[in-house]
Amino acid sequence: MLQVFKMDKATGLPTTNEAAVKKFRLKLIGRSADQDSKFISYDTETGEWVVEVEHFSKYGLDDDDSS
């Protein structure tokens, strides 16, 4: 996922507070586990959060290309 940042409520911009960013990273690790995915990395500069999932499910999509 891209542009995932801990936002500063006062400014509406990504926070530069190191302690808040560190806590946010730990939250992302927990969210990964909650969603049955494996946390791979989080880049605080770009906001890139990388997780690994076993599979994707698709609902309501028709695989029939004959139409």
C-alpha atoms as a PDB file:
ATOM      1  CA  MET A   1       0.000   0.000   0.000  1.00  0.00           C
ATOM      2  CA  LEU A   2       1.218   3.463  -0.773  1.00  0.00           C
ATOM      3  CA  GLN A   3       1.153   6.747   1.126  1.00  0.00           C
ATOM      4  CA  VAL A   4       0.276   5.200   4.495  1.00  0.00           C
ATOM      5  CA  PHE A   5       1.297   7.798   7.069  1.00  0.00           C
ATOM      6  CA  LYS A   6       0.588   8.696  10.682  1.00  0.00           C
ATOM      7  CA  MET A   7      -1.107  12.053  10.300  1.00  0.00           C
ATOM      8  CA  ASP A   8      -0.635  15.018  12.612  1.00  0.00           C
ATOM      9  CA  LYS A   9      -4.148  16.017  13.708  1.00  0.00           C
ATOM     10  CA  ALA A  10      -3.153  19.672  14.129  1.00  0.00           C
ATOM     11  CA  THR A  11      -1.639  20.145  10.663  1.00  0.00           C
ATOM     12  CA  GLY A  12      -3.283  17.389   8.622  1.00  0.00           C
ATOM     13  CA  LEU A  13       0.183  16.434   7.352  1.00  0.00           C
ATOM     14  CA  PRO A  14       2.268  13.322   8.015  1.00  0.00           C
ATOM     15  CA  THR A  15       3.818  13.617  11.468  1.00  0.00           C
ATOM     16  CA  THR A  16       7.558  14.038  11.926  1.00  0.00           C
ATOM     17  CA  ASN A  17       7.411  12.962  15.571  1.00  0.00           C
ATOM     18  CA  GLU A  18       9.706   9.919  15.747  1.00  0.00           C
ATOM     19  CA  ALA A  19       7.937   8.365  18.727  1.00  0.00           C
ATOM     20  CA  ALA A  20       4.545   8.646  17.013  1.00  0.00           C
ATOM     21  CA  VAL A  21       5.925   7.148  13.787  1.00  0.00           C
ATOM     22  CA  LYS A  22       7.500   4.264  15.712  1.00  0.00           C
ATOM     23  CA  LYS A  23       4.182   3.581  17.484  1.00  0.00           C
ATOM     24  CA  PHE A  24       2.346   3.775  14.135  1.00  0.00           C
ATOM     25  CA  ARG A  25       4.730   1.190  12.636  1.00  0.00           C
ATOM     26  CA  LEU A  26       3.925  -1.165  15.521  1.00  0.00           C
ATOM     27  CA  LYS A  27       0.224  -0.575  14.836  1.00  0.00           C
ATOM     28  CA  LEU A  28       0.745  -1.586  11.192  1.00  0.00           C
ATOM     29  CA  ILE A  29       2.487  -4.773  12.306  1.00  0.00           C
ATOM     30  CA  GLY A  30      -0.519  -5.568  14.511  1.00  0.00           C
ATOM     31  CA  ARG A  31      -2.997  -4.777  11.732  1.00  0.00           C
ATOM     32  CA  SER A  32      -1.121  -7.102   9.412  1.00  0.00           C
ATOM     33  CA  ALA A  33      -1.500  -9.952  11.895  1.00  0.00           C
ATOM     34  CA  ASP A  34      -5.187  -9.101  12.469  1.00  0.00           C
ATOM     35  CA  GLN A  35      -5.834  -9.409   8.733  1.00  0.00           C
ATOM     36  CA  ASP A  36      -3.998 -12.746   8.381  1.00  0.00           C
ATOM     37  CA  SER A  37      -1.177 -11.179   6.402  1.00  0.00           C
ATOM     38  CA  LYS A  38       2.557 -11.092   7.033  1.00  0.00           C
ATOM     39  CA  PHE A  39       4.169  -7.718   7.674  1.00  0.00           C
ATOM     40  CA  ILE A  40       7.158  -7.310   5.344  1.00  0.00           C
ATOM     41  CA  SER A  41       8.189  -3.670   5.704  1.00  0.00           C
ATOM     42  CA  TYR A  42       7.154  -0.062   6.255  1.00  0.00           C
ATOM     43  CA  ASP A  43       9.082   2.857   4.765  1.00  0.00           C
ATOM     44  CA  THR A  44       8.471   5.956   6.885  1.00  0.00           C
ATOM     45  CA  GLU A  45       9.717   8.278   4.139  1.00  0.00           C
ATOM     46  CA  THR A  46       7.459   7.075   1.311  1.00  0.00           C
ATOM     47  CA  GLY A  47       4.623   5.594   3.380  1.00  0.00           C
ATOM     48  CA  GLU A  48       4.973   2.259   1.589  1.00  0.00           C
ATOM     49  CA  TRP A  49       3.531  -0.584   3.699  1.00  0.00           C
ATOM     50  CA  VAL A  50       4.326  -4.027   2.309  1.00  0.00           C
ATOM     51  CA  VAL A  51       2.467  -7.145   3.421  1.00  0.00           C
ATOM     52  CA  GLU A  52       2.304 -10.677   2.096  1.00  0.00           C
ATOM     53  CA  VAL A  53      -1.010 -12.493   1.755  1.00  0.00           C
ATOM     54  CA  GLU A  54      -1.665 -16.146   0.976  1.00  0.00           C
ATOM     55  CA  HIS A  55      -4.296 -15.461  -1.652  1.00  0.00           C
ATOM     56  CA  PHE A  56      -6.848 -12.977  -2.889  1.00  0.00           C
ATOM     57  CA  SER A  57     -10.507 -13.855  -3.069  1.00  0.00           C
ATOM     58  CA  LYS A  58     -12.750 -12.533  -5.751  1.00  0.00           C
ATOM     59  CA  TYR A  59     -16.457 -12.132  -5.287  1.00  0.00           C
ATOM     60  CA  GLY A  60     -19.029 -11.535  -7.968  1.00  0.00           C
ATOM     61  CA  LEU A  61     -16.571 -11.700 -10.870  1.00  0.00           C
ATOM     62  CA  ASP A  62     -17.401 -13.869 -13.826  1.00  0.00           C
ATOM     63  CA  ASP A  63     -14.417 -15.697 -15.339  1.00  0.00           C
ATOM     64  CA  ASP A  64     -16.339 -16.483 -18.525  1.00  0.00           C
ATOM     65  CA  ASP A  65     -14.659 -14.548 -21.340  1.00  0.00           C
ATOM     66  CA  SER A  66     -16.946 -15.972 -24.048  1.00  0.00           C
ATOM     67  CA  SER A  67     -19.409 -13.068 -23.982  1.00  0.00           C
END
